[in-house]
Amino acid sequence: MSFTLPELPYSYDALAPYMSSETLEYHHDKHHQAYVTNGNNLLKGTEFEGKTLEEIVKGSFGKNAGLFNNAGQHFNHIHFWKWMKPNGGGAIPGELEKKIVEDLGSVEKMKEDFIQAGVTQFGSGWNWLAVKDGKIVVMKTANGENPLVHGATPILGCDVWEHSYYIDYRNRRPDYLKAFVESLVNWDYVAELYSKAV
């Protein structure tokens, strides 16, 4: 299956002031497009042609670095756009909130740990909420890796590559992560992914 760049689920300026239209245009139209283009080129003639994106990500990990990096980033970004919405943040749907409190102590503790994972990810990468062995866990990964290749299912991820925040926040990654958690997260989409993961 070849990779296709998805449309953004909102206009370029819909996430302002927390994420500018300039950031979204560069990030979606240039960076994500590059993962799609490079991924398709690297997919040709491999054993992974015709496989689902998840199968490509899992199967190429540790075997085909170029393909994995682009497929991983394509997977991550397909969800990243949906993990945000205008007027995001706010209340977390009941079942998900209950599970977060059960597994991570409290909603506040989850937010702190999630932000801290992003702040302490050295260099490029992602921070995550994922479901592993039936529990919600906080994780971080380098570059294009995601929880799929570590035996877990991602339900929320934040891109901490500099291109995701540098236009708006310069080197203030903690401020970007706080804005993401408090004002951008689409908790309904997180809850939908959680219900499929358990």
N, C-alpha and C. Protein backbone atom coordinates (compact mmCIF):
# COMPACT_ATOMS: atom_id res chain seq x y z
N MET A 1 0.84 -1.18 0.00
CA MET A 1 0.00 0.00 0.00
C MET A 1 0.88 1.24 0.00
N SER A 2 0.64 2.15 -0.94
CA SER A 2 1.51 3.32 -0.98
C SER A 2 1.03 4.37 0.02
N PHE A 3 1.95 5.25 0.39
CA PHE A 3 1.65 6.28 1.38
C PHE A 3 1.01 7.48 0.68
N THR A 4 0.05 8.10 1.35
CA THR A 4 -0.61 9.30 0.83
C THR A 4 -0.66 10.34 1.93
N LEU A 5 -0.39 11.59 1.57
CA LEU A 5 -0.47 12.67 2.55
C LEU A 5 -1.93 12.96 2.86
N PRO A 6 -2.35 12.84 4.12
CA PRO A 6 -3.75 13.15 4.45
C PRO A 6 -3.98 14.66 4.47
N GLU A 7 -5.22 15.04 4.23
CA GLU A 7 -5.60 16.44 4.40
C GLU A 7 -5.56 16.76 5.90
N LEU A 8 -5.23 17.99 6.25
CA LEU A 8 -5.38 18.40 7.64
C LEU A 8 -6.87 18.43 7.99
N PRO A 9 -7.24 18.02 9.20
CA PRO A 9 -8.66 18.01 9.57
C PRO A 9 -9.20 19.39 9.98
N TYR A 10 -8.41 20.44 9.77
CA TYR A 10 -8.81 21.82 10.10
C TYR A 10 -7.99 22.75 9.23
N SER A 11 -8.32 24.04 9.24
CA SER A 11 -7.57 25.00 8.42
C SER A 11 -6.21 25.28 9.05
N TYR A 12 -5.30 25.83 8.26
CA TYR A 12 -3.94 26.11 8.75
C TYR A 12 -3.92 27.02 9.97
N ASP A 13 -4.88 27.94 10.04
CA ASP A 13 -4.85 28.90 11.15
C ASP A 13 -5.72 28.48 12.33
N ALA A 14 -6.29 27.27 12.27
CA ALA A 14 -7.28 26.85 13.28
C ALA A 14 -6.68 26.60 14.67
N LEU A 15 -5.38 26.34 14.74
CA LEU A 15 -4.77 26.02 16.03
C LEU A 15 -4.05 27.21 16.67
N ALA A 16 -4.10 28.35 16.00
CA ALA A 16 -3.49 29.56 16.55
C ALA A 16 -4.23 29.94 17.83
N PRO A 17 -3.56 30.56 18.81
CA PRO A 17 -2.16 31.01 18.79
C PRO A 17 -1.16 29.94 19.24
N TYR A 18 -1.63 28.72 19.51
CA TYR A 18 -0.75 27.69 20.09
C TYR A 18 0.13 27.04 19.03
N MET A 19 -0.37 27.00 17.79
CA MET A 19 0.42 26.51 16.67
C MET A 19 0.02 27.35 15.46
N SER A 20 0.99 28.02 14.87
CA SER A 20 0.69 28.99 13.81
C SER A 20 0.44 28.32 12.47
N SER A 21 -0.20 29.07 11.57
CA SER A 21 -0.42 28.54 10.22
C SER A 21 0.92 28.31 9.52
N GLU A 22 1.91 29.13 9.82
CA GLU A 22 3.24 28.93 9.20
C GLU A 22 3.83 27.59 9.62
N THR A 23 3.72 27.26 10.91
CA THR A 23 4.22 25.97 11.39
C THR A 23 3.47 24.83 10.71
N LEU A 24 2.15 24.92 10.66
CA LEU A 24 1.36 23.83 10.07
C LEU A 24 1.66 23.67 8.58
N GLU A 25 1.81 24.77 7.87
CA GLU A 25 2.12 24.67 6.44
C GLU A 25 3.46 23.98 6.22
N TYR A 26 4.49 24.39 6.96
CA TYR A 26 5.80 23.75 6.82
C TYR A 26 5.75 22.29 7.26
N HIS A 27 5.15 22.08 8.41
CA HIS A 27 5.18 20.74 9.01
C HIS A 27 4.38 19.74 8.18
N HIS A 28 3.19 20.11 7.79
CA HIS A 28 2.33 19.21 7.01
C HIS A 28 2.76 19.15 5.55
N ASP A 29 2.86 20.30 4.90
CA ASP A 29 3.07 20.34 3.45
C ASP A 29 4.50 19.99 3.04
N LYS A 30 5.47 20.28 3.90
CA LYS A 30 6.86 20.01 3.53
C LYS A 30 7.40 18.76 4.24
N HIS A 31 7.36 18.75 5.57
CA HIS A 31 7.97 17.64 6.31
C HIS A 31 7.18 16.34 6.12
N HIS A 32 5.88 16.37 6.38
CA HIS A 32 5.10 15.14 6.23
C HIS A 32 5.11 14.69 4.77
N GLN A 33 5.00 15.63 3.85
CA GLN A 33 5.05 15.26 2.42
C GLN A 33 6.37 14.55 2.08
N ALA A 34 7.46 15.01 2.67
CA ALA A 34 8.77 14.38 2.41
C ALA A 34 8.79 12.94 2.90
N TYR A 35 8.19 12.66 4.07
CA TYR A 35 8.14 11.29 4.57
C TYR A 35 7.33 10.41 3.62
N VAL A 36 6.26 10.96 3.08
CA VAL A 36 5.40 10.22 2.14
C VAL A 36 6.17 9.92 0.85
N THR A 37 6.80 10.95 0.29
CA THR A 37 7.54 10.79 -0.97
C THR A 37 8.71 9.82 -0.80
N ASN A 38 9.52 10.04 0.22
CA ASN A 38 10.68 9.17 0.46
C ASN A 38 10.24 7.75 0.81
N GLY A 39 9.18 7.65 1.62
CA GLY A 39 8.68 6.33 2.00
C GLY A 39 8.22 5.53 0.80
N ASN A 40 7.50 6.18 -0.11
CA ASN A 40 7.03 5.49 -1.32
C ASN A 40 8.20 5.02 -2.19
N ASN A 41 9.22 5.87 -2.31
CA ASN A 41 10.40 5.48 -3.11
C ASN A 41 11.12 4.30 -2.48
N LEU A 42 11.24 4.31 -1.16
CA LEU A 42 11.96 3.25 -0.45
C LEU A 42 11.16 1.95 -0.35
N LEU A 43 9.85 2.07 -0.49
CA LEU A 43 8.97 0.90 -0.40
C LEU A 43 9.04 0.03 -1.66
N LYS A 44 9.28 0.69 -2.79
CA LYS A 44 9.27 -0.02 -4.09
C LYS A 44 10.25 -1.18 -4.11
N GLY A 45 9.75 -2.33 -4.53
CA GLY A 45 10.62 -3.50 -4.70
C GLY A 45 11.01 -4.19 -3.41
N THR A 46 10.41 -3.81 -2.28
CA THR A 46 10.73 -4.48 -1.01
C THR A 46 9.65 -5.50 -0.68
N GLU A 47 9.93 -6.32 0.31
CA GLU A 47 8.96 -7.33 0.77
C GLU A 47 7.73 -6.68 1.41
N PHE A 48 7.82 -5.38 1.68
CA PHE A 48 6.74 -4.70 2.41
C PHE A 48 5.69 -4.09 1.49
N GLU A 49 5.91 -4.14 0.18
CA GLU A 49 4.91 -3.62 -0.75
C GLU A 49 3.59 -4.37 -0.54
N GLY A 50 2.48 -3.62 -0.51
CA GLY A 50 1.17 -4.26 -0.33
C GLY A 50 0.78 -4.50 1.11
N LYS A 51 1.71 -4.23 2.05
CA LYS A 51 1.41 -4.41 3.47
C LYS A 51 0.74 -3.14 4.03
N THR A 52 0.09 -3.26 5.19
CA THR A 52 -0.48 -2.08 5.84
C THR A 52 0.65 -1.24 6.43
N LEU A 53 0.34 0.00 6.73
CA LEU A 53 1.35 0.90 7.30
C LEU A 53 1.89 0.34 8.62
N GLU A 54 1.01 -0.18 9.47
CA GLU A 54 1.47 -0.75 10.75
C GLU A 54 2.42 -1.93 10.51
N GLU A 55 2.08 -2.77 9.54
CA GLU A 55 2.94 -3.93 9.23
C GLU A 55 4.30 -3.45 8.71
N ILE A 56 4.29 -2.39 7.91
CA ILE A 56 5.56 -1.85 7.37
C ILE A 56 6.41 -1.30 8.51
N VAL A 57 5.77 -0.54 9.41
CA VAL A 57 6.50 0.05 10.54
C VAL A 57 7.12 -1.05 11.39
N LYS A 58 6.32 -2.03 11.78
CA LYS A 58 6.83 -3.10 12.65
C LYS A 58 7.86 -3.97 11.93
N GLY A 59 7.57 -4.28 10.66
CA GLY A 59 8.43 -5.20 9.91
C GLY A 59 9.77 -4.62 9.51
N SER A 60 9.82 -3.31 9.26
CA SER A 60 11.07 -2.69 8.79
C SER A 60 11.96 -2.25 9.95
N PHE A 61 11.42 -2.23 11.18
CA PHE A 61 12.20 -1.78 12.34
C PHE A 61 13.41 -2.68 12.54
N GLY A 62 14.59 -2.09 12.57
CA GLY A 62 15.83 -2.85 12.76
C GLY A 62 16.30 -3.58 11.53
N LYS A 63 15.55 -3.48 10.40
CA LYS A 63 15.93 -4.21 9.18
C LYS A 63 16.19 -3.28 8.00
N ASN A 64 15.38 -2.23 7.90
CA ASN A 64 15.49 -1.31 6.77
C ASN A 64 15.31 0.10 7.33
N ALA A 65 16.42 0.70 7.76
CA ALA A 65 16.36 1.97 8.51
C ALA A 65 15.68 3.09 7.72
N GLY A 66 16.03 3.22 6.45
CA GLY A 66 15.46 4.31 5.64
C GLY A 66 13.95 4.20 5.53
N LEU A 67 13.49 3.00 5.19
CA LEU A 67 12.05 2.78 5.06
C LEU A 67 11.37 2.96 6.42
N PHE A 68 11.97 2.40 7.47
CA PHE A 68 11.37 2.52 8.80
C PHE A 68 11.22 3.97 9.22
N ASN A 69 12.28 4.77 9.04
CA ASN A 69 12.23 6.17 9.48
C ASN A 69 11.08 6.91 8.81
N ASN A 70 10.91 6.72 7.51
CA ASN A 70 9.86 7.43 6.79
C ASN A 70 8.47 6.87 7.07
N ALA A 71 8.37 5.54 7.14
CA ALA A 71 7.07 4.91 7.45
C ALA A 71 6.65 5.25 8.88
N GLY A 72 7.61 5.21 9.81
CA GLY A 72 7.32 5.55 11.21
C GLY A 72 6.83 6.98 11.33
N GLN A 73 7.52 7.90 10.66
CA GLN A 73 7.11 9.29 10.73
C GLN A 73 5.77 9.53 10.03
N HIS A 74 5.51 8.79 8.95
CA HIS A 74 4.21 8.90 8.27
C HIS A 74 3.11 8.45 9.23
N PHE A 75 3.29 7.31 9.87
CA PHE A 75 2.32 6.80 10.85
C PHE A 75 2.11 7.83 11.97
N ASN A 76 3.22 8.32 12.53
CA ASN A 76 3.14 9.25 13.66
C ASN A 76 2.37 10.51 13.28
N HIS A 77 2.64 11.02 12.09
CA HIS A 77 2.02 12.29 11.68
C HIS A 77 0.55 12.12 11.28
N ILE A 78 0.18 11.01 10.69
CA ILE A 78 -1.24 10.77 10.37
C ILE A 78 -2.07 10.99 11.65
N HIS A 79 -1.55 10.45 12.76
CA HIS A 79 -2.26 10.58 14.04
C HIS A 79 -2.04 11.95 14.67
N PHE A 80 -0.84 12.50 14.51
CA PHE A 80 -0.53 13.79 15.15
C PHE A 80 -1.54 14.87 14.77
N TRP A 81 -1.89 14.94 13.48
CA TRP A 81 -2.86 15.96 13.06
C TRP A 81 -4.21 15.73 13.74
N LYS A 82 -4.57 14.47 13.96
CA LYS A 82 -5.87 14.17 14.59
C LYS A 82 -5.80 14.28 16.12
N TRP A 83 -4.59 14.23 16.67
CA TRP A 83 -4.44 14.38 18.12
C TRP A 83 -4.61 15.83 18.56
N MET A 84 -4.77 16.73 17.59
CA MET A 84 -4.99 18.13 17.92
C MET A 84 -6.32 18.59 17.32
N LYS A 85 -6.91 19.61 17.95
CA LYS A 85 -8.11 20.22 17.39
C LYS A 85 -8.21 21.65 17.90
N PRO A 86 -8.94 22.50 17.18
CA PRO A 86 -9.17 23.85 17.69
C PRO A 86 -9.88 23.77 19.04
N ASN A 87 -9.52 24.63 19.97
CA ASN A 87 -10.10 24.60 21.32
C ASN A 87 -9.95 23.22 21.97
N GLY A 88 -8.77 22.66 21.82
CA GLY A 88 -8.48 21.35 22.39
C GLY A 88 -8.19 21.43 23.88
N GLY A 89 -7.65 20.35 24.42
CA GLY A 89 -7.45 20.26 25.86
C GLY A 89 -8.79 20.02 26.54
N GLY A 90 -8.96 20.52 27.73
CA GLY A 90 -10.25 20.40 28.42
C GLY A 90 -10.50 19.02 29.00
N ALA A 91 -11.79 18.72 29.14
CA ALA A 91 -12.20 17.49 29.83
C ALA A 91 -11.82 16.24 29.05
N ILE A 92 -11.46 15.20 29.79
CA ILE A 92 -11.10 13.91 29.20
C ILE A 92 -12.32 12.99 29.35
N PRO A 93 -12.75 12.31 28.27
CA PRO A 93 -13.91 11.41 28.37
C PRO A 93 -13.77 10.42 29.53
N GLY A 94 -14.91 10.14 30.18
CA GLY A 94 -14.98 9.39 31.43
C GLY A 94 -14.16 8.13 31.57
N GLU A 95 -14.36 7.17 30.65
CA GLU A 95 -13.65 5.88 30.76
C GLU A 95 -12.14 6.07 30.70
N LEU A 96 -11.71 6.93 29.78
CA LEU A 96 -10.27 7.19 29.61
C LEU A 96 -9.72 7.87 30.87
N GLU A 97 -10.46 8.85 31.38
CA GLU A 97 -10.00 9.56 32.58
C GLU A 97 -9.85 8.59 33.76
N LYS A 98 -10.83 7.71 33.91
CA LYS A 98 -10.79 6.71 34.99
C LYS A 98 -9.54 5.85 34.90
N LYS A 99 -9.23 5.40 33.67
CA LYS A 99 -8.06 4.54 33.45
C LYS A 99 -6.75 5.30 33.68
N ILE A 100 -6.71 6.58 33.26
CA ILE A 100 -5.52 7.40 33.49
C ILE A 100 -5.25 7.53 34.99
N VAL A 101 -6.30 7.81 35.76
CA VAL A 101 -6.17 7.95 37.22
C VAL A 101 -5.72 6.62 37.83
N GLU A 102 -6.31 5.53 37.36
CA GLU A 102 -5.97 4.19 37.87
C GLU A 102 -4.50 3.85 37.59
N ASP A 103 -4.03 4.12 36.37
CA ASP A 103 -2.69 3.68 35.96
C ASP A 103 -1.59 4.69 36.24
N LEU A 104 -1.94 5.99 36.23
CA LEU A 104 -0.89 7.02 36.34
C LEU A 104 -1.06 7.94 37.55
N GLY A 105 -2.04 7.68 38.39
CA GLY A 105 -2.17 8.43 39.63
C GLY A 105 -3.22 9.53 39.61
N SER A 106 -3.13 10.38 38.61
CA SER A 106 -4.11 11.46 38.44
C SER A 106 -3.93 12.07 37.06
N VAL A 107 -4.92 12.85 36.64
CA VAL A 107 -4.80 13.54 35.34
C VAL A 107 -3.62 14.50 35.38
N GLU A 108 -3.47 15.24 36.49
CA GLU A 108 -2.35 16.19 36.62
C GLU A 108 -1.01 15.48 36.52
N LYS A 109 -0.90 14.34 37.20
CA LYS A 109 0.36 13.56 37.19
C LYS A 109 0.63 13.06 35.78
N MET A 110 -0.40 12.61 35.08
CA MET A 110 -0.24 12.16 33.69
C MET A 110 0.30 13.30 32.83
N LYS A 111 -0.30 14.48 32.97
CA LYS A 111 0.14 15.64 32.16
C LYS A 111 1.60 15.99 32.48
N GLU A 112 1.94 16.02 33.77
CA GLU A 112 3.32 16.32 34.18
C GLU A 112 4.29 15.31 33.60
N ASP A 113 3.97 14.03 33.72
CA ASP A 113 4.87 12.97 33.24
C ASP A 113 4.99 13.00 31.71
N PHE A 114 3.87 13.27 31.04
CA PHE A 114 3.86 13.35 29.58
C PHE A 114 4.74 14.52 29.12
N ILE A 115 4.56 15.68 29.74
CA ILE A 115 5.38 16.85 29.39
C ILE A 115 6.85 16.57 29.69
N GLN A 116 7.12 15.98 30.85
CA GLN A 116 8.51 15.68 31.24
C GLN A 116 9.17 14.73 30.25
N ALA A 117 8.43 13.74 29.77
CA ALA A 117 8.98 12.80 28.77
C ALA A 117 9.39 13.56 27.51
N GLY A 118 8.58 14.54 27.10
CA GLY A 118 8.91 15.33 25.91
C GLY A 118 10.08 16.27 26.14
N VAL A 119 10.13 16.87 27.32
CA VAL A 119 11.22 17.80 27.65
C VAL A 119 12.55 17.05 27.69
N THR A 120 12.54 15.83 28.22
CA THR A 120 13.79 15.08 28.43
C THR A 120 14.17 14.18 27.26
N GLN A 121 13.35 14.18 26.18
CA GLN A 121 13.75 13.42 24.99
C GLN A 121 14.89 14.19 24.32
N PHE A 122 16.10 13.66 24.41
CA PHE A 122 17.26 14.37 23.87
C PHE A 122 17.21 14.35 22.34
N GLY A 123 17.36 15.50 21.73
CA GLY A 123 17.31 15.57 20.26
C GLY A 123 15.89 15.37 19.76
N SER A 124 15.78 14.83 18.57
CA SER A 124 14.46 14.67 17.94
C SER A 124 13.75 13.43 18.45
N GLY A 125 12.42 13.48 18.44
CA GLY A 125 11.67 12.31 18.87
C GLY A 125 10.24 12.66 19.22
N TRP A 126 9.64 11.80 20.02
CA TRP A 126 8.22 11.91 20.39
C TRP A 126 8.04 11.52 21.84
N ASN A 127 7.00 12.06 22.47
CA ASN A 127 6.55 11.55 23.78
C ASN A 127 5.14 11.04 23.61
N TRP A 128 4.79 10.04 24.46
CA TRP A 128 3.58 9.25 24.19
C TRP A 128 2.79 8.91 25.44
N LEU A 129 1.48 8.72 25.24
CA LEU A 129 0.66 7.86 26.09
C LEU A 129 0.41 6.62 25.25
N ALA A 130 0.62 5.47 25.83
CA ALA A 130 0.42 4.23 25.08
C ALA A 130 -0.20 3.19 26.00
N VAL A 131 -0.80 2.18 25.38
CA VAL A 131 -1.35 1.07 26.15
C VAL A 131 -0.40 -0.11 26.00
N LYS A 132 0.11 -0.57 27.13
CA LYS A 132 1.03 -1.72 27.14
C LYS A 132 0.58 -2.68 28.23
N ASP A 133 0.38 -3.94 27.84
CA ASP A 133 -0.08 -4.97 28.78
C ASP A 133 -1.32 -4.50 29.55
N GLY A 134 -2.23 -3.83 28.83
CA GLY A 134 -3.50 -3.42 29.44
C GLY A 134 -3.44 -2.16 30.28
N LYS A 135 -2.25 -1.57 30.42
CA LYS A 135 -2.11 -0.36 31.22
C LYS A 135 -1.72 0.84 30.36
N ILE A 136 -2.15 2.04 30.76
CA ILE A 136 -1.70 3.26 30.08
C ILE A 136 -0.34 3.64 30.66
N VAL A 137 0.63 3.84 29.80
CA VAL A 137 1.99 4.21 30.22
C VAL A 137 2.43 5.46 29.46
N VAL A 138 3.40 6.17 30.06
CA VAL A 138 4.04 7.31 29.40
C VAL A 138 5.36 6.80 28.83
N MET A 139 5.64 7.15 27.57
CA MET A 139 6.87 6.70 26.92
C MET A 139 7.48 7.86 26.15
N LYS A 140 8.73 7.70 25.75
CA LYS A 140 9.34 8.61 24.79
C LYS A 140 10.20 7.78 23.84
N THR A 141 10.33 8.25 22.61
CA THR A 141 11.12 7.53 21.62
C THR A 141 11.93 8.52 20.80
N ALA A 142 13.03 8.04 20.25
CA ALA A 142 13.89 8.89 19.42
C ALA A 142 13.41 8.89 17.97
N ASN A 143 13.67 9.98 17.29
CA ASN A 143 13.45 10.11 15.84
C ASN A 143 12.04 9.68 15.43
N GLY A 144 11.93 8.67 14.54
CA GLY A 144 10.62 8.26 14.04
C GLY A 144 10.04 7.04 14.74
N GLU A 145 10.72 6.59 15.80
CA GLU A 145 10.21 5.41 16.51
C GLU A 145 8.89 5.74 17.21
N ASN A 146 8.10 4.71 17.45
CA ASN A 146 6.86 4.89 18.20
C ASN A 146 6.59 3.62 19.03
N PRO A 147 5.59 3.67 19.90
CA PRO A 147 5.34 2.52 20.78
C PRO A 147 5.06 1.20 20.06
N LEU A 148 4.61 1.24 18.81
CA LEU A 148 4.32 0.00 18.07
C LEU A 148 5.50 -0.95 18.07
N VAL A 149 6.73 -0.40 17.99
CA VAL A 149 7.92 -1.26 17.89
C VAL A 149 8.46 -1.62 19.28
N HIS A 150 7.74 -1.21 20.32
CA HIS A 150 8.13 -1.55 21.69
C HIS A 150 6.99 -2.27 22.40
N GLY A 151 6.17 -2.98 21.62
CA GLY A 151 5.12 -3.82 22.19
C GLY A 151 3.96 -3.06 22.80
N ALA A 152 3.73 -1.82 22.34
CA ALA A 152 2.64 -1.02 22.90
C ALA A 152 1.84 -0.36 21.78
N THR A 153 0.67 0.16 22.12
CA THR A 153 -0.20 0.83 21.14
C THR A 153 -0.30 2.30 21.50
N PRO A 154 0.15 3.20 20.61
CA PRO A 154 0.08 4.63 20.93
C PRO A 154 -1.36 5.14 20.92
N ILE A 155 -1.70 5.96 21.94
CA ILE A 155 -3.02 6.59 21.94
C ILE A 155 -2.91 8.12 21.93
N LEU A 156 -1.72 8.65 22.26
CA LEU A 156 -1.46 10.09 22.15
C LEU A 156 0.04 10.29 21.97
N GLY A 157 0.41 11.13 21.01
CA GLY A 157 1.83 11.43 20.81
C GLY A 157 2.02 12.89 20.50
N CYS A 158 3.15 13.43 20.94
CA CYS A 158 3.50 14.80 20.61
C CYS A 158 4.87 14.82 19.95
N ASP A 159 4.95 15.51 18.83
CA ASP A 159 6.17 15.60 18.03
C ASP A 159 7.10 16.62 18.67
N VAL A 160 8.27 16.19 19.14
CA VAL A 160 9.23 17.14 19.70
C VAL A 160 10.44 17.37 18.79
N TRP A 161 10.30 17.04 17.51
CA TRP A 161 11.29 17.50 16.54
C TRP A 161 11.20 19.02 16.49
N GLU A 162 12.32 19.68 16.29
CA GLU A 162 12.30 21.16 16.33
C GLU A 162 11.36 21.77 15.30
N HIS A 163 11.19 21.11 14.14
CA HIS A 163 10.32 21.72 13.13
C HIS A 163 8.87 21.81 13.60
N SER A 164 8.53 21.06 14.64
CA SER A 164 7.17 21.07 15.15
C SER A 164 6.86 22.33 15.98
N TYR A 165 7.91 22.97 16.51
CA TYR A 165 7.65 24.09 17.41
C TYR A 165 8.55 25.30 17.25
N TYR A 166 9.64 25.19 16.48
CA TYR A 166 10.66 26.24 16.51
C TYR A 166 10.18 27.59 15.98
N ILE A 167 9.32 27.58 14.98
CA ILE A 167 8.80 28.85 14.44
C ILE A 167 8.03 29.61 15.52
N ASP A 168 7.25 28.88 16.32
CA ASP A 168 6.38 29.52 17.32
C ASP A 168 7.03 29.69 18.69
N TYR A 169 7.89 28.75 19.06
CA TYR A 169 8.40 28.75 20.44
C TYR A 169 9.92 28.87 20.52
N ARG A 170 10.61 28.92 19.36
CA ARG A 170 12.07 28.89 19.35
C ARG A 170 12.54 27.68 20.17
N ASN A 171 13.39 27.90 21.18
CA ASN A 171 13.94 26.76 21.92
C ASN A 171 13.14 26.42 23.17
N ARG A 172 11.92 26.95 23.30
CA ARG A 172 11.13 26.75 24.52
C ARG A 172 10.24 25.51 24.39
N ARG A 173 10.87 24.36 24.32
CA ARG A 173 10.11 23.12 24.17
C ARG A 173 9.10 22.90 25.30
N PRO A 174 9.46 23.19 26.58
CA PRO A 174 8.46 22.99 27.65
C PRO A 174 7.18 23.81 27.43
N ASP A 175 7.32 25.04 26.92
CA ASP A 175 6.14 25.88 26.67
C ASP A 175 5.26 25.28 25.57
N TYR A 176 5.91 24.76 24.54
CA TYR A 176 5.18 24.10 23.45
C TYR A 176 4.41 22.88 23.98
N LEU A 177 5.07 22.07 24.80
CA LEU A 177 4.43 20.86 25.33
C LEU A 177 3.26 21.20 26.25
N LYS A 178 3.42 22.25 27.04
CA LYS A 178 2.34 22.69 27.93
C LYS A 178 1.14 23.16 27.10
N ALA A 179 1.42 23.94 26.05
CA ALA A 179 0.34 24.42 25.17
C ALA A 179 -0.35 23.24 24.49
N PHE A 180 0.43 22.26 24.06
CA PHE A 180 -0.13 21.07 23.41
C PHE A 180 -1.11 20.37 24.36
N VAL A 181 -0.67 20.10 25.58
CA VAL A 181 -1.48 19.35 26.54
C VAL A 181 -2.72 20.15 26.98
N GLU A 182 -2.53 21.43 27.25
CA GLU A 182 -3.62 22.23 27.82
C GLU A 182 -4.60 22.77 26.79
N SER A 183 -4.12 22.99 25.55
CA SER A 183 -4.96 23.74 24.60
C SER A 183 -5.14 23.11 23.23
N LEU A 184 -4.45 22.00 22.94
CA LEU A 184 -4.53 21.42 21.60
C LEU A 184 -5.04 19.98 21.56
N VAL A 185 -4.83 19.20 22.62
CA VAL A 185 -5.14 17.76 22.53
C VAL A 185 -6.63 17.51 22.26
N ASN A 186 -6.88 16.63 21.30
CA ASN A 186 -8.22 16.16 20.97
C ASN A 186 -8.46 14.88 21.79
N TRP A 187 -8.97 15.05 23.01
CA TRP A 187 -9.13 13.89 23.90
C TRP A 187 -10.15 12.88 23.38
N ASP A 188 -11.10 13.33 22.55
CA ASP A 188 -12.07 12.38 21.98
C ASP A 188 -11.36 11.38 21.07
N TYR A 189 -10.37 11.85 20.30
CA TYR A 189 -9.62 10.95 19.43
C TYR A 189 -8.74 10.01 20.26
N VAL A 190 -8.16 10.54 21.33
CA VAL A 190 -7.36 9.69 22.23
C VAL A 190 -8.24 8.58 22.82
N ALA A 191 -9.45 8.95 23.23
CA ALA A 191 -10.39 7.98 23.81
C ALA A 191 -10.79 6.92 22.79
N GLU A 192 -10.97 7.35 21.54
CA GLU A 192 -11.32 6.42 20.46
C GLU A 192 -10.20 5.40 20.26
N LEU A 193 -8.96 5.88 20.22
CA LEU A 193 -7.81 4.97 20.07
C LEU A 193 -7.66 4.06 21.29
N TYR A 194 -7.92 4.61 22.49
CA TYR A 194 -7.84 3.80 23.70
C TYR A 194 -8.84 2.65 23.64
N SER A 195 -10.08 2.95 23.21
CA SER A 195 -11.12 1.90 23.19
C SER A 195 -10.76 0.78 22.20
N LYS A 196 -10.00 1.12 21.15
CA LYS A 196 -9.58 0.08 20.18
C LYS A 196 -8.38 -0.70 20.70
N ALA A 197 -7.61 -0.09 21.61
CA ALA A 197 -6.36 -0.71 22.06
C ALA A 197 -6.57 -1.71 23.19
N VAL A 198 -7.74 -1.64 23.85
CA VAL A 198 -7.94 -2.54 25.01
C VAL A 198 -8.84 -3.72 24.64
